[in-house]
Amino acid sequence: RVVVQGVSLLSPKGLSKSIRESHGPLDPQAVDHIVERLDTAL
């Protein structure tokens, strides 16, 4: 994986794979809450 100045450089396929394979602390409710907050703020 190539990272430059803290930014990952990915192809669309690589991005899709990274998102699918990543696991984190967010449950589905938290994800929905983040989406609502960002939709309002941005």
PDB file of all heavy atoms in Angstrom:
ATOM      1  N   ARG A   1       0.860  -1.182   0.000  1.00  0.00           N
ATOM      2  CA  ARG A   1       0.000   0.000   0.000  1.00  0.00           C
ATOM      3  C   ARG A   1       0.894   1.229   0.000  1.00  0.00           C
ATOM      4  O   ARG A   1       1.828   1.330   0.781  1.00  0.00           O
ATOM      5  CB  ARG A   1      -0.870  -0.026   1.252  1.00  0.00           C
ATOM      6  CG  ARG A   1      -1.906   1.041   1.282  1.00  0.00           C
ATOM      7  CD  ARG A   1      -2.773   0.863   2.499  1.00  0.00           C
ATOM      8  NE  ARG A   1      -4.007   1.585   2.313  1.00  0.00           N
ATOM      9  CZ  ARG A   1      -5.068   1.411   3.044  1.00  0.00           C
ATOM     10  NH1 ARG A   1      -5.064   0.516   4.004  1.00  0.00           N
ATOM     11  NH2 ARG A   1      -6.145   2.110   2.836  1.00  0.00           N
ATOM     12  N   VAL A   2       0.610   2.170  -0.883  1.00  0.00           N
ATOM     13  CA  VAL A   2       1.422   3.374  -0.983  1.00  0.00           C
ATOM     14  C   VAL A   2       0.742   4.490  -0.195  1.00  0.00           C
ATOM     15  O   VAL A   2      -0.438   4.770  -0.383  1.00  0.00           O
ATOM     16  CB  VAL A   2       1.599   3.806  -2.455  1.00  0.00           C
ATOM     17  CG1 VAL A   2       2.455   5.053  -2.541  1.00  0.00           C
ATOM     18  CG2 VAL A   2       2.209   2.679  -3.275  1.00  0.00           C
ATOM     19  N   VAL A   3       1.517   5.106   0.698  1.00  0.00           N
ATOM     20  CA  VAL A   3       1.038   6.221   1.501  1.00  0.00           C
ATOM     21  C   VAL A   3       2.035   7.363   1.332  1.00  0.00           C
ATOM     22  O   VAL A   3       3.230   7.173   1.503  1.00  0.00           O
ATOM     23  CB  VAL A   3       0.905   5.840   2.988  1.00  0.00           C
ATOM     24  CG1 VAL A   3       0.444   7.031   3.817  1.00  0.00           C
ATOM     25  CG2 VAL A   3      -0.042   4.666   3.166  1.00  0.00           C
ATOM     26  N   VAL A   4       1.538   8.532   0.967  1.00  0.00           N
ATOM     27  CA  VAL A   4       2.378   9.715   0.806  1.00  0.00           C
ATOM     28  C   VAL A   4       1.793  10.818   1.680  1.00  0.00           C
ATOM     29  O   VAL A   4       0.615  11.167   1.540  1.00  0.00           O
ATOM     30  CB  VAL A   4       2.432  10.177  -0.667  1.00  0.00           C
ATOM     31  CG1 VAL A   4       3.262  11.438  -0.808  1.00  0.00           C
ATOM     32  CG2 VAL A   4       2.975   9.083  -1.560  1.00  0.00           C
ATOM     33  N   GLN A   5       2.617  11.340   2.565  1.00  0.00           N
ATOM     34  CA  GLN A   5       2.205  12.418   3.467  1.00  0.00           C
ATOM     35  C   GLN A   5       0.909  12.059   4.199  1.00  0.00           C
ATOM     36  O   GLN A   5       0.024  12.890   4.395  1.00  0.00           O
ATOM     37  CB  GLN A   5       2.057  13.733   2.698  1.00  0.00           C
ATOM     38  CG  GLN A   5       3.345  14.203   2.059  1.00  0.00           C
ATOM     39  CD  GLN A   5       3.185  15.444   1.218  1.00  0.00           C
ATOM     40  OE1 GLN A   5       2.238  16.214   1.387  1.00  0.00           O
ATOM     41  NE2 GLN A   5       4.101  15.669   0.298  1.00  0.00           N
ATOM     42  N   GLY A   6       0.774  10.797   4.587  1.00  0.00           N
ATOM     43  CA  GLY A   6      -0.381  10.340   5.343  1.00  0.00           C
ATOM     44  C   GLY A   6      -1.616  10.034   4.517  1.00  0.00           C
ATOM     45  O   GLY A   6      -2.664   9.685   5.048  1.00  0.00           O
ATOM     46  N   VAL A   7      -1.514  10.156   3.199  1.00  0.00           N
ATOM     47  CA  VAL A   7      -2.640   9.912   2.295  1.00  0.00           C
ATOM     48  C   VAL A   7      -2.397   8.608   1.534  1.00  0.00           C
ATOM     49  O   VAL A   7      -1.362   8.442   0.894  1.00  0.00           O
ATOM     50  CB  VAL A   7      -2.811  11.076   1.292  1.00  0.00           C
ATOM     51  CG1 VAL A   7      -3.956  10.800   0.323  1.00  0.00           C
ATOM     52  CG2 VAL A   7      -3.015  12.392   2.021  1.00  0.00           C
ATOM     53  N   SER A   8      -3.353   7.679   1.608  1.00  0.00           N
ATOM     54  CA  SER A   8      -3.246   6.422   0.867  1.00  0.00           C
ATOM     55  C   SER A   8      -3.530   6.663  -0.608  1.00  0.00           C
ATOM     56  O   SER A   8      -4.453   7.401  -0.956  1.00  0.00           O
ATOM     57  CB  SER A   8      -4.247   5.399   1.407  1.00  0.00           C
ATOM     58  OG  SER A   8      -3.940   5.060   2.727  1.00  0.00           O
ATOM     59  N   LEU A   9      -2.737   6.036  -1.466  1.00  0.00           N
ATOM     60  CA  LEU A   9      -2.947   6.111  -2.912  1.00  0.00           C
ATOM     61  C   LEU A   9      -3.512   4.766  -3.347  1.00  0.00           C
ATOM     62  O   LEU A   9      -2.855   3.738  -3.209  1.00  0.00           O
ATOM     63  CB  LEU A   9      -1.623   6.373  -3.636  1.00  0.00           C
ATOM     64  CG  LEU A   9      -0.772   7.535  -3.138  1.00  0.00           C
ATOM     65  CD1 LEU A   9       0.499   7.648  -3.969  1.00  0.00           C
ATOM     66  CD2 LEU A   9      -1.548   8.833  -3.157  1.00  0.00           C
ATOM     67  N   LEU A  10      -4.744   4.773  -3.865  1.00  0.00           N
ATOM     68  CA  LEU A  10      -5.423   3.526  -4.207  1.00  0.00           C
ATOM     69  C   LEU A  10      -6.127   3.630  -5.553  1.00  0.00           C
ATOM     70  O   LEU A  10      -6.502   4.722  -5.988  1.00  0.00           O
ATOM     71  CB  LEU A  10      -6.458   3.180  -3.135  1.00  0.00           C
ATOM     72  CG  LEU A  10      -5.937   2.910  -1.724  1.00  0.00           C
ATOM     73  CD1 LEU A  10      -7.094   2.857  -0.736  1.00  0.00           C
ATOM     74  CD2 LEU A  10      -5.154   1.620  -1.698  1.00  0.00           C
ATOM     75  N   SER A  11      -6.336   2.487  -6.166  1.00  0.00           N
ATOM     76  CA  SER A  11      -7.185   2.384  -7.348  1.00  0.00           C
ATOM     77  C   SER A  11      -8.621   2.210  -6.846  1.00  0.00           C
ATOM     78  O   SER A  11      -8.832   1.922  -5.660  1.00  0.00           O
ATOM     79  CB  SER A  11      -6.778   1.173  -8.179  1.00  0.00           C
ATOM     80  OG  SER A  11      -7.052  -0.017  -7.454  1.00  0.00           O
ATOM     81  N   PRO A  12      -9.617   2.349  -7.716  1.00  0.00           N
ATOM     82  CA  PRO A  12     -10.993   2.097  -7.268  1.00  0.00           C
ATOM     83  C   PRO A  12     -11.163   0.689  -6.686  1.00  0.00           C
ATOM     84  O   PRO A  12     -11.816   0.517  -5.648  1.00  0.00           O
ATOM     85  CB  PRO A  12     -11.827   2.281  -8.535  1.00  0.00           C
ATOM     86  CG  PRO A  12     -11.033   3.226  -9.363  1.00  0.00           C
ATOM     87  CD  PRO A  12      -9.584   2.865  -9.097  1.00  0.00           C
ATOM     88  N   LYS A  13     -10.556  -0.293  -7.333  1.00  0.00           N
ATOM     89  CA  LYS A  13     -10.647  -1.667  -6.840  1.00  0.00           C
ATOM     90  C   LYS A  13      -9.937  -1.805  -5.487  1.00  0.00           C
ATOM     91  O   LYS A  13     -10.455  -2.444  -4.570  1.00  0.00           O
ATOM     92  CB  LYS A  13     -10.016  -2.620  -7.864  1.00  0.00           C
ATOM     93  CG  LYS A  13     -10.198  -4.076  -7.549  1.00  0.00           C
ATOM     94  CD  LYS A  13      -9.630  -4.924  -8.686  1.00  0.00           C
ATOM     95  CE  LYS A  13      -9.827  -6.397  -8.403  1.00  0.00           C
ATOM     96  NZ  LYS A  13      -9.328  -7.235  -9.503  1.00  0.00           N
ATOM     97  N   GLY A  14      -8.778  -1.189  -5.350  1.00  0.00           N
ATOM     98  CA  GLY A  14      -8.046  -1.226  -4.089  1.00  0.00           C
ATOM     99  C   GLY A  14      -8.791  -0.516  -2.965  1.00  0.00           C
ATOM    100  O   GLY A  14      -8.785  -0.966  -1.816  1.00  0.00           O
ATOM    101  N   LEU A  15      -9.447   0.587  -3.301  1.00  0.00           N
ATOM    102  CA  LEU A  15     -10.239   1.309  -2.308  1.00  0.00           C
ATOM    103  C   LEU A  15     -11.409   0.462  -1.839  1.00  0.00           C
ATOM    104  O   LEU A  15     -11.664   0.337  -0.634  1.00  0.00           O
ATOM    105  CB  LEU A  15     -10.734   2.633  -2.890  1.00  0.00           C
ATOM    106  CG  LEU A  15     -11.672   3.453  -2.009  1.00  0.00           C
ATOM    107  CD1 LEU A  15     -11.012   3.836  -0.690  1.00  0.00           C
ATOM    108  CD2 LEU A  15     -12.145   4.694  -2.763  1.00  0.00           C
ATOM    109  N   SER A  16     -12.106  -0.136  -2.789  1.00  0.00           N
ATOM    110  CA  SER A  16     -13.239  -0.998  -2.449  1.00  0.00           C
ATOM    111  C   SER A  16     -12.799  -2.140  -1.540  1.00  0.00           C
ATOM    112  O   SER A  16     -13.439  -2.435  -0.521  1.00  0.00           O
ATOM    113  CB  SER A  16     -13.867  -1.541  -3.731  1.00  0.00           C
ATOM    114  OG  SER A  16     -14.890  -2.447  -3.440  1.00  0.00           O
ATOM    115  N   LYS A  17     -11.683  -2.757  -1.883  1.00  0.00           N
ATOM    116  CA  LYS A  17     -11.161  -3.858  -1.085  1.00  0.00           C
ATOM    117  C   LYS A  17     -10.766  -3.380   0.312  1.00  0.00           C
ATOM    118  O   LYS A  17     -11.071  -4.035   1.311  1.00  0.00           O
ATOM    119  CB  LYS A  17      -9.957  -4.480  -1.784  1.00  0.00           C
ATOM    120  CG  LYS A  17      -9.349  -5.652  -1.046  1.00  0.00           C
ATOM    121  CD  LYS A  17      -8.174  -6.236  -1.808  1.00  0.00           C
ATOM    122  CE  LYS A  17      -7.574  -7.385  -1.016  1.00  0.00           C
ATOM    123  NZ  LYS A  17      -6.379  -7.915  -1.634  1.00  0.00           N
ATOM    124  N   SER A  18     -10.106  -2.231   0.402  1.00  0.00           N
ATOM    125  CA  SER A  18      -9.697  -1.694   1.701  1.00  0.00           C
ATOM    126  C   SER A  18     -10.896  -1.411   2.594  1.00  0.00           C
ATOM    127  O   SER A  18     -10.869  -1.700   3.793  1.00  0.00           O
ATOM    128  CB  SER A  18      -8.883  -0.411   1.514  1.00  0.00           C
ATOM    129  OG  SER A  18      -7.658  -0.688   0.893  1.00  0.00           O
ATOM    130  N   ILE A  19     -11.931  -0.843   2.025  1.00  0.00           N
ATOM    131  CA  ILE A  19     -13.132  -0.537   2.816  1.00  0.00           C
ATOM    132  C   ILE A  19     -13.805  -1.834   3.276  1.00  0.00           C
ATOM    133  O   ILE A  19     -14.184  -1.962   4.434  1.00  0.00           O
ATOM    134  CB  ILE A  19     -14.107   0.349   2.010  1.00  0.00           C
ATOM    135  CG1 ILE A  19     -13.492   1.745   1.820  1.00  0.00           C
ATOM    136  CG2 ILE A  19     -15.460   0.448   2.724  1.00  0.00           C
ATOM    137  CD1 ILE A  19     -14.274   2.640   0.884  1.00  0.00           C
ATOM    138  N   ARG A  20     -13.930  -2.801   2.359  1.00  0.00           N
ATOM    139  CA  ARG A  20     -14.558  -4.081   2.713  1.00  0.00           C
ATOM    140  C   ARG A  20     -13.798  -4.821   3.808  1.00  0.00           C
ATOM    141  O   ARG A  20     -14.403  -5.434   4.678  1.00  0.00           O
ATOM    142  CB  ARG A  20     -14.680  -4.988   1.486  1.00  0.00           C
ATOM    143  CG  ARG A  20     -15.850  -4.722   0.601  1.00  0.00           C
ATOM    144  CD  ARG A  20     -16.070  -5.855  -0.415  1.00  0.00           C
ATOM    145  NE  ARG A  20     -14.871  -6.467  -0.930  1.00  0.00           N
ATOM    146  CZ  ARG A  20     -14.175  -6.047  -2.001  1.00  0.00           C
ATOM    147  NH1 ARG A  20     -14.592  -4.998  -2.664  1.00  0.00           N
ATOM    148  NH2 ARG A  20     -13.097  -6.690  -2.407  1.00  0.00           N
ATOM    149  N   GLU A  21     -12.473  -4.799   3.727  1.00  0.00           N
ATOM    150  CA  GLU A  21     -11.659  -5.584   4.650  1.00  0.00           C
ATOM    151  C   GLU A  21     -11.342  -4.873   5.959  1.00  0.00           C
ATOM    152  O   GLU A  21     -10.806  -5.476   6.871  1.00  0.00           O
ATOM    153  CB  GLU A  21     -10.350  -5.995   3.967  1.00  0.00           C
ATOM    154  CG  GLU A  21     -10.577  -6.977   2.841  1.00  0.00           C
ATOM    155  CD  GLU A  21      -9.291  -7.359   2.120  1.00  0.00           C
ATOM    156  OE1 GLU A  21      -8.230  -6.740   2.392  1.00  0.00           O
ATOM    157  OE2 GLU A  21      -9.347  -8.271   1.277  1.00  0.00           O
ATOM    158  N   SER A  22     -11.658  -3.599   6.047  1.00  0.00           N
ATOM    159  CA  SER A  22     -11.317  -2.869   7.264  1.00  0.00           C
ATOM    160  C   SER A  22     -12.385  -3.092   8.331  1.00  0.00           C
ATOM    161  O   SER A  22     -13.563  -3.213   8.039  1.00  0.00           O
ATOM    162  CB  SER A  22     -11.160  -1.378   6.973  1.00  0.00           C
ATOM    163  OG  SER A  22     -12.382  -0.848   6.511  1.00  0.00           O
ATOM    164  N   HIS A  23     -11.911  -3.170   9.535  1.00  0.00           N
ATOM    165  CA  HIS A  23     -12.812  -3.355  10.667  1.00  0.00           C
ATOM    166  C   HIS A  23     -12.510  -2.246  11.663  1.00  0.00           C
ATOM    167  O   HIS A  23     -11.363  -1.867  11.856  1.00  0.00           O
ATOM    168  CB  HIS A  23     -12.595  -4.720  11.322  1.00  0.00           C
ATOM    169  CG  HIS A  23     -12.795  -5.853  10.358  1.00  0.00           C
ATOM    170  ND1 HIS A  23     -14.034  -6.261   9.943  1.00  0.00           N
ATOM    171  CD2 HIS A  23     -11.902  -6.625   9.691  1.00  0.00           C
ATOM    172  CE1 HIS A  23     -13.896  -7.248   9.076  1.00  0.00           C
ATOM    173  NE2 HIS A  23     -12.603  -7.491   8.907  1.00  0.00           N
ATOM    174  N   GLY A  24     -13.533  -1.752  12.263  1.00  0.00           N
ATOM    175  CA  GLY A  24     -13.301  -0.653  13.190  1.00  0.00           C
ATOM    176  C   GLY A  24     -14.285  -0.657  14.336  1.00  0.00           C
ATOM    177  O   GLY A  24     -15.092  -1.573  14.485  1.00  0.00           O
ATOM    178  N   PRO A  25     -14.216   0.395  15.115  1.00  0.00           N
ATOM    179  CA  PRO A  25     -15.011   0.483  16.332  1.00  0.00           C
ATOM    180  C   PRO A  25     -16.463   0.929  16.108  1.00  0.00           C
ATOM    181  O   PRO A  25     -17.207   1.052  17.069  1.00  0.00           O
ATOM    182  CB  PRO A  25     -14.247   1.531  17.146  1.00  0.00           C
ATOM    183  CG  PRO A  25     -13.682   2.444  16.092  1.00  0.00           C
ATOM    184  CD  PRO A  25     -13.326   1.530  14.947  1.00  0.00           C
ATOM    185  N   LEU A  26     -16.855   1.147  14.863  1.00  0.00           N
ATOM    186  CA  LEU A  26     -18.172   1.733  14.603  1.00  0.00           C
ATOM    187  C   LEU A  26     -19.234   0.667  14.350  1.00  0.00           C
ATOM    188  O   LEU A  26     -19.086  -0.173  13.478  1.00  0.00           O
ATOM    189  CB  LEU A  26     -18.103   2.681  13.407  1.00  0.00           C
ATOM    190  CG  LEU A  26     -17.066   3.799  13.509  1.00  0.00           C
ATOM    191  CD1 LEU A  26     -17.016   4.582  12.214  1.00  0.00           C
ATOM    192  CD2 LEU A  26     -17.362   4.704  14.677  1.00  0.00           C
ATOM    193  N   ASP A  27     -20.318   0.756  15.105  1.00  0.00           N
ATOM    194  CA  ASP A  27     -21.446  -0.139  14.869  1.00  0.00           C
ATOM    195  C   ASP A  27     -22.389   0.529  13.862  1.00  0.00           C
ATOM    196  O   ASP A  27     -22.238   1.714  13.555  1.00  0.00           O
ATOM    197  CB  ASP A  27     -22.165  -0.489  16.185  1.00  0.00           C
ATOM    198  CG  ASP A  27     -22.695   0.736  16.912  1.00  0.00           C
ATOM    199  OD1 ASP A  27     -23.134   1.704  16.241  1.00  0.00           O
ATOM    200  OD2 ASP A  27     -22.685   0.734  18.149  1.00  0.00           O
ATOM    201  N   PRO A  28     -23.360  -0.196  13.326  1.00  0.00           N
ATOM    202  CA  PRO A  28     -24.251   0.386  12.311  1.00  0.00           C
ATOM    203  C   PRO A  28     -24.971   1.654  12.771  1.00  0.00           C
ATOM    204  O   PRO A  28     -25.178   2.567  11.976  1.00  0.00           O
ATOM    205  CB  PRO A  28     -25.243  -0.745  12.023  1.00  0.00           C
ATOM    206  CG  PRO A  28     -24.485  -1.992  12.326  1.00  0.00           C
ATOM    207  CD  PRO A  28     -23.603  -1.632  13.495  1.00  0.00           C
ATOM    208  N   GLN A  29     -25.334   1.737  14.032  1.00  0.00           N
ATOM    209  CA  GLN A  29     -26.001   2.945  14.540  1.00  0.00           C
ATOM    210  C   GLN A  29     -25.058   4.141  14.516  1.00  0.00           C
ATOM    211  O   GLN A  29     -25.457   5.254  14.162  1.00  0.00           O
ATOM    212  CB  GLN A  29     -26.529   2.709  15.949  1.00  0.00           C
ATOM    213  CG  GLN A  29     -27.675   1.718  15.993  1.00  0.00           C
ATOM    214  CD  GLN A  29     -28.009   1.320  17.427  1.00  0.00           C
ATOM    215  OE1 GLN A  29     -27.149   1.259  18.289  1.00  0.00           O
ATOM    216  NE2 GLN A  29     -29.282   1.029  17.646  1.00  0.00           N
ATOM    217  N   ALA A  30     -23.794   3.912  14.883  1.00  0.00           N
ATOM    218  CA  ALA A  30     -22.806   4.993  14.854  1.00  0.00           C
ATOM    219  C   ALA A  30     -22.575   5.466  13.422  1.00  0.00           C
ATOM    220  O   ALA A  30     -22.458   6.670  13.171  1.00  0.00           O
ATOM    221  CB  ALA A  30     -21.502   4.536  15.487  1.00  0.00           C
ATOM    222  N   VAL A  31     -22.521   4.522  12.489  1.00  0.00           N
ATOM    223  CA  VAL A  31     -22.338   4.877  11.082  1.00  0.00           C
ATOM    224  C   VAL A  31     -23.500   5.747  10.607  1.00  0.00           C
ATOM    225  O   VAL A  31     -23.294   6.790   9.968  1.00  0.00           O
ATOM    226  CB  VAL A  31     -22.190   3.616  10.202  1.00  0.00           C
ATOM    227  CG1 VAL A  31     -22.212   3.978   8.719  1.00  0.00           C
ATOM    228  CG2 VAL A  31     -20.920   2.868  10.562  1.00  0.00           C
ATOM    229  N   ASP A  32     -24.724   5.357  10.919  1.00  0.00           N
ATOM    230  CA  ASP A  32     -25.897   6.155  10.536  1.00  0.00           C
ATOM    231  C   ASP A  32     -25.836   7.551  11.143  1.00  0.00           C
ATOM    232  O   ASP A  32     -26.152   8.546  10.483  1.00  0.00           O
ATOM    233  CB  ASP A  32     -27.194   5.454  10.967  1.00  0.00           C
ATOM    234  CG  ASP A  32     -27.482   4.211  10.149  1.00  0.00           C
ATOM    235  OD1 ASP A  32     -26.897   4.062   9.052  1.00  0.00           O
ATOM    236  OD2 ASP A  32     -28.294   3.384  10.607  1.00  0.00           O
ATOM    237  N   HIS A  33     -25.408   7.626  12.392  1.00  0.00           N
ATOM    238  CA  HIS A  33     -25.311   8.912  13.084  1.00  0.00           C
ATOM    239  C   HIS A  33     -24.254   9.802  12.416  1.00  0.00           C
ATOM    240  O   HIS A  33     -24.476  10.998  12.220  1.00  0.00           O
ATOM    241  CB  HIS A  33     -24.971   8.686  14.565  1.00  0.00           C
ATOM    242  CG  HIS A  33     -25.165   9.885  15.410  1.00  0.00           C
ATOM    243  ND1 HIS A  33     -26.296  10.114  16.139  1.00  0.00           N
ATOM    244  CD2 HIS A  33     -24.358  10.935  15.638  1.00  0.00           C
ATOM    245  CE1 HIS A  33     -26.182  11.250  16.782  1.00  0.00           C
ATOM    246  NE2 HIS A  33     -24.999  11.777  16.506  1.00  0.00           N
ATOM    247  N   ILE A  34     -23.127   9.212  12.033  1.00  0.00           N
ATOM    248  CA  ILE A  34     -22.068   9.965  11.345  1.00  0.00           C
ATOM    249  C   ILE A  34     -22.565  10.470   9.998  1.00  0.00           C
ATOM    250  O   ILE A  34     -22.328  11.622   9.624  1.00  0.00           O
ATOM    251  CB  ILE A  34     -20.801   9.097  11.184  1.00  0.00           C
ATOM    252  CG1 ILE A  34     -20.116   8.927  12.541  1.00  0.00           C
ATOM    253  CG2 ILE A  34     -19.844   9.705  10.171  1.00  0.00           C
ATOM    254  CD1 ILE A  34     -18.994   7.909  12.549  1.00  0.00           C
ATOM    255  N   VAL A  35     -23.263   9.628   9.267  1.00  0.00           N
ATOM    256  CA  VAL A  35     -23.805  10.035   7.966  1.00  0.00           C
ATOM    257  C   VAL A  35     -24.745  11.215   8.124  1.00  0.00           C
ATOM    258  O   VAL A  35     -24.652  12.208   7.382  1.00  0.00           O
ATOM    259  CB  VAL A  35     -24.524   8.849   7.269  1.00  0.00           C
ATOM    260  CG1 VAL A  35     -25.307   9.317   6.060  1.00  0.00           C
ATOM    261  CG2 VAL A  35     -23.521   7.783   6.878  1.00  0.00           C
ATOM    262  N   GLU A  36     -25.640  11.162   9.091  1.00  0.00           N
ATOM    263  CA  GLU A  36     -26.571  12.267   9.336  1.00  0.00           C
ATOM    264  C   GLU A  36     -25.819  13.546   9.695  1.00  0.00           C
ATOM    265  O   GLU A  36     -26.140  14.630   9.193  1.00  0.00           O
ATOM    266  CB  GLU A  36     -27.542  11.903  10.455  1.00  0.00           C
ATOM    267  CG  GLU A  36     -28.551  10.848  10.078  1.00  0.00           C
ATOM    268  CD  GLU A  36     -29.370  10.370  11.272  1.00  0.00           C
ATOM    269  OE1 GLU A  36     -29.320  10.998  12.346  1.00  0.00           O
ATOM    270  OE2 GLU A  36     -30.055   9.333  11.117  1.00  0.00           O
ATOM    271  N   ARG A  37     -24.818  13.424  10.562  1.00  0.00           N
ATOM    272  CA  ARG A  37     -24.056  14.599  11.007  1.00  0.00           C
ATOM    273  C   ARG A  37     -23.307  15.229   9.850  1.00  0.00           C
ATOM    274  O   ARG A  37     -23.311  16.442   9.673  1.00  0.00           O
ATOM    275  CB  ARG A  37     -23.083  14.189  12.133  1.00  0.00           C
ATOM    276  CG  ARG A  37     -22.215  15.303  12.613  1.00  0.00           C
ATOM    277  CD  ARG A  37     -23.050  16.374  13.317  1.00  0.00           C
ATOM    278  NE  ARG A  37     -22.250  17.585  13.423  1.00  0.00           N
ATOM    279  CZ  ARG A  37     -22.642  18.769  12.987  1.00  0.00           C
ATOM    280  NH1 ARG A  37     -23.834  18.954  12.469  1.00  0.00           N
ATOM    281  NH2 ARG A  37     -21.860  19.800  13.104  1.00  0.00           N
ATOM    282  N   LEU A  38     -22.633  14.412   9.034  1.00  0.00           N
ATOM    283  CA  LEU A  38     -21.875  14.952   7.900  1.00  0.00           C
ATOM    284  C   LEU A  38     -22.799  15.516   6.834  1.00  0.00           C
ATOM    285  O   LEU A  38     -22.459  16.517   6.196  1.00  0.00           O
ATOM    286  CB  LEU A  38     -20.960  13.880   7.317  1.00  0.00           C
ATOM    287  CG  LEU A  38     -19.801  13.433   8.215  1.00  0.00           C
ATOM    288  CD1 LEU A  38     -19.016  12.316   7.551  1.00  0.00           C
ATOM    289  CD2 LEU A  38     -18.904  14.600   8.577  1.00  0.00           C
ATOM    290  N   ASP A  39     -23.950  14.910   6.658  1.00  0.00           N
ATOM    291  CA  ASP A  39     -24.922  15.408   5.674  1.00  0.00           C
ATOM    292  C   ASP A  39     -25.397  16.806   6.068  1.00  0.00           C
ATOM    293  O   ASP A  39     -25.569  17.673   5.214  1.00  0.00           O
ATOM    294  CB  ASP A  39     -26.101  14.439   5.564  1.00  0.00           C
ATOM    295  CG  ASP A  39     -26.995  14.751   4.396  1.00  0.00           C
ATOM    296  OD1 ASP A  39     -26.463  15.094   3.309  1.00  0.00           O
ATOM    297  OD2 ASP A  39     -28.222  14.662   4.553  1.00  0.00           O
ATOM    298  N   THR A  40     -25.566  17.023   7.354  1.00  0.00           N
ATOM    299  CA  THR A  40     -26.001  18.318   7.850  1.00  0.00           C
ATOM    300  C   THR A  40     -24.870  19.341   7.816  1.00  0.00           C
ATOM    301  O   THR A  40     -25.044  20.482   7.375  1.00  0.00           O
ATOM    302  CB  THR A  40     -26.514  18.199   9.305  1.00  0.00           C
ATOM    303  OG1 THR A  40     -27.588  17.258   9.316  1.00  0.00           O
ATOM    304  CG2 THR A  40     -26.991  19.519   9.849  1.00  0.00           C
ATOM    305  N   ALA A  41     -23.683  18.932   8.272  1.00  0.00           N
ATOM    306  CA  ALA A  41     -22.555  19.852   8.391  1.00  0.00           C
ATOM    307  C   ALA A  41     -21.895  20.184   7.051  1.00  0.00           C
ATOM    308  O   ALA A  41     -21.333  21.260   6.893  1.00  0.00           O
ATOM    309  CB  ALA A  41     -21.518  19.262   9.339  1.00  0.00           C
ATOM    310  N   LEU A  42     -21.957  19.250   6.107  1.00  0.00           N
ATOM    311  CA  LEU A  42     -21.262  19.436   4.826  1.00  0.00           C
ATOM    312  C   LEU A  42     -22.238  19.229   3.672  1.00  0.00           C
ATOM    313  O   LEU A  42     -22.165  18.229   2.941  1.00  0.00           O
ATOM    314  CB  LEU A  42     -20.102  18.443   4.710  1.00  0.00           C
ATOM    315  CG  LEU A  42     -19.081  18.465   5.845  1.00  0.00           C
ATOM    316  CD1 LEU A  42     -18.129  17.270   5.738  1.00  0.00           C
ATOM    317  CD2 LEU A  42     -18.328  19.767   5.874  1.00  0.00           C
TER     318      LEU A  42
END
